[in-house]
């Protein structure tokens, strides 16, 4: 992600190795594994791996 977009995210915490960031405008989360760099979506009580494009589309509310 380009560094100019990073300032739009707030650190919200960690769940195991997954770091949770919330977008300041859309209020949607970007969940990234700190060790592997993989992206996750929280669904039905668990974190499910998704593709990076899906993660960013979800944060910016782009229909998938």
C-alpha atoms as a PDB file:
ATOM      1  CA  UNK A   1       0.000   0.000   0.000  1.00  0.00           C
ATOM      2  CA  UNK A   2       1.374   3.453  -0.847  1.00  0.00           C
ATOM      3  CA  UNK A   3       2.513   5.279   2.279  1.00  0.00           C
ATOM      4  CA  UNK A   4       0.151   8.219   1.691  1.00  0.00           C
ATOM      5  CA  UNK A   5      -2.789   5.880   2.344  1.00  0.00           C
ATOM      6  CA  UNK A   6      -1.381   4.619   5.654  1.00  0.00           C
ATOM      7  CA  UNK A   7      -2.312   7.809   7.476  1.00  0.00           C
ATOM      8  CA  UNK A   8      -5.991   6.997   6.846  1.00  0.00           C
ATOM      9  CA  UNK A   9      -5.771   3.927   9.100  1.00  0.00           C
ATOM     10  CA  UNK A  10      -5.836   3.666  12.885  1.00  0.00           C
ATOM     11  CA  UNK A  11      -4.217   0.827  14.814  1.00  0.00           C
ATOM     12  CA  UNK A  12      -6.982  -0.935  16.753  1.00  0.00           C
ATOM     13  CA  UNK A  13      -5.174  -3.898  18.292  1.00  0.00           C
ATOM     14  CA  UNK A  14      -4.016  -7.426  17.613  1.00  0.00           C
ATOM     15  CA  UNK A  15      -5.548 -10.885  17.624  1.00  0.00           C
ATOM     16  CA  UNK A  16      -2.686 -13.343  17.770  1.00  0.00           C
ATOM     17  CA  UNK A  17      -0.434 -12.273  14.852  1.00  0.00           C
ATOM     18  CA  UNK A  18      -3.229 -10.445  13.020  1.00  0.00           C
ATOM     19  CA  UNK A  19      -2.968  -6.665  13.312  1.00  0.00           C
ATOM     20  CA  UNK A  20      -6.252  -4.750  13.084  1.00  0.00           C
ATOM     21  CA  UNK A  21      -6.431  -1.364  11.366  1.00  0.00           C
ATOM     22  CA  UNK A  22      -9.582   0.724  10.943  1.00  0.00           C
ATOM     23  CA  UNK A  23     -10.018   3.201   8.101  1.00  0.00           C
ATOM     24  CA  UNK A  24     -10.768   6.661   9.506  1.00  0.00           C
ATOM     25  CA  UNK A  25     -13.515   7.463   6.987  1.00  0.00           C
ATOM     26  CA  UNK A  26     -15.154   4.171   5.977  1.00  0.00           C
ATOM     27  CA  UNK A  27     -14.689   2.687   9.499  1.00  0.00           C
ATOM     28  CA  UNK A  28     -13.959  -0.685   7.886  1.00  0.00           C
ATOM     29  CA  UNK A  29     -11.126  -2.920   8.997  1.00  0.00           C
ATOM     30  CA  UNK A  30      -7.958  -4.036   7.270  1.00  0.00           C
ATOM     31  CA  UNK A  31      -6.605  -7.140   9.032  1.00  0.00           C
ATOM     32  CA  UNK A  32      -3.027  -8.112   8.199  1.00  0.00           C
ATOM     33  CA  UNK A  33      -0.910 -10.926   9.598  1.00  0.00           C
ATOM     34  CA  UNK A  34       2.244  -9.294  10.978  1.00  0.00           C
ATOM     35  CA  UNK A  35       4.365 -12.380  10.240  1.00  0.00           C
ATOM     36  CA  UNK A  36       3.134 -13.530   6.830  1.00  0.00           C
ATOM     37  CA  UNK A  37       1.595 -10.338   5.401  1.00  0.00           C
ATOM     38  CA  UNK A  38      -1.593 -12.232   4.532  1.00  0.00           C
ATOM     39  CA  UNK A  39      -4.955 -10.452   4.684  1.00  0.00           C
ATOM     40  CA  UNK A  40      -7.993 -11.583   6.668  1.00  0.00           C
ATOM     41  CA  UNK A  41     -11.690 -10.843   6.980  1.00  0.00           C
ATOM     42  CA  UNK A  42     -13.568 -11.402  10.219  1.00  0.00           C
ATOM     43  CA  UNK A  43     -16.635 -13.501   9.443  1.00  0.00           C
ATOM     44  CA  UNK A  44     -18.844 -15.711  11.585  1.00  0.00           C
ATOM     45  CA  UNK A  45     -16.596 -15.386  14.619  1.00  0.00           C
ATOM     46  CA  UNK A  46     -13.297 -16.203  12.936  1.00  0.00           C
ATOM     47  CA  UNK A  47     -10.610 -14.673  10.734  1.00  0.00           C
ATOM     48  CA  UNK A  48     -10.672 -16.047   7.201  1.00  0.00           C
ATOM     49  CA  UNK A  49      -7.824 -15.478   4.754  1.00  0.00           C
ATOM     50  CA  UNK A  50      -8.721 -13.373   1.705  1.00  0.00           C
ATOM     51  CA  UNK A  51      -6.830 -11.958  -1.262  1.00  0.00           C
ATOM     52  CA  UNK A  52      -5.302  -8.489  -0.884  1.00  0.00           C
ATOM     53  CA  UNK A  53      -7.625  -7.063  -3.534  1.00  0.00           C
ATOM     54  CA  UNK A  54     -10.665  -8.331  -1.591  1.00  0.00           C
ATOM     55  CA  UNK A  55      -9.341  -6.717   1.586  1.00  0.00           C
ATOM     56  CA  UNK A  56      -8.906  -3.295  -0.015  1.00  0.00           C
ATOM     57  CA  UNK A  57     -12.208  -3.516  -1.890  1.00  0.00           C
ATOM     58  CA  UNK A  58     -13.919  -4.247   1.418  1.00  0.00           C
ATOM     59  CA  UNK A  59     -12.237  -1.327   3.203  1.00  0.00           C
ATOM     60  CA  UNK A  60     -13.152   1.112   0.455  1.00  0.00           C
ATOM     61  CA  UNK A  61     -16.680  -0.372   0.104  1.00  0.00           C
ATOM     62  CA  UNK A  62     -16.220  -1.450  -3.503  1.00  0.00           C
ATOM     63  CA  UNK A  63     -18.683  -4.165  -4.511  1.00  0.00           C
ATOM     64  CA  UNK A  64     -16.961  -7.469  -5.000  1.00  0.00           C
END
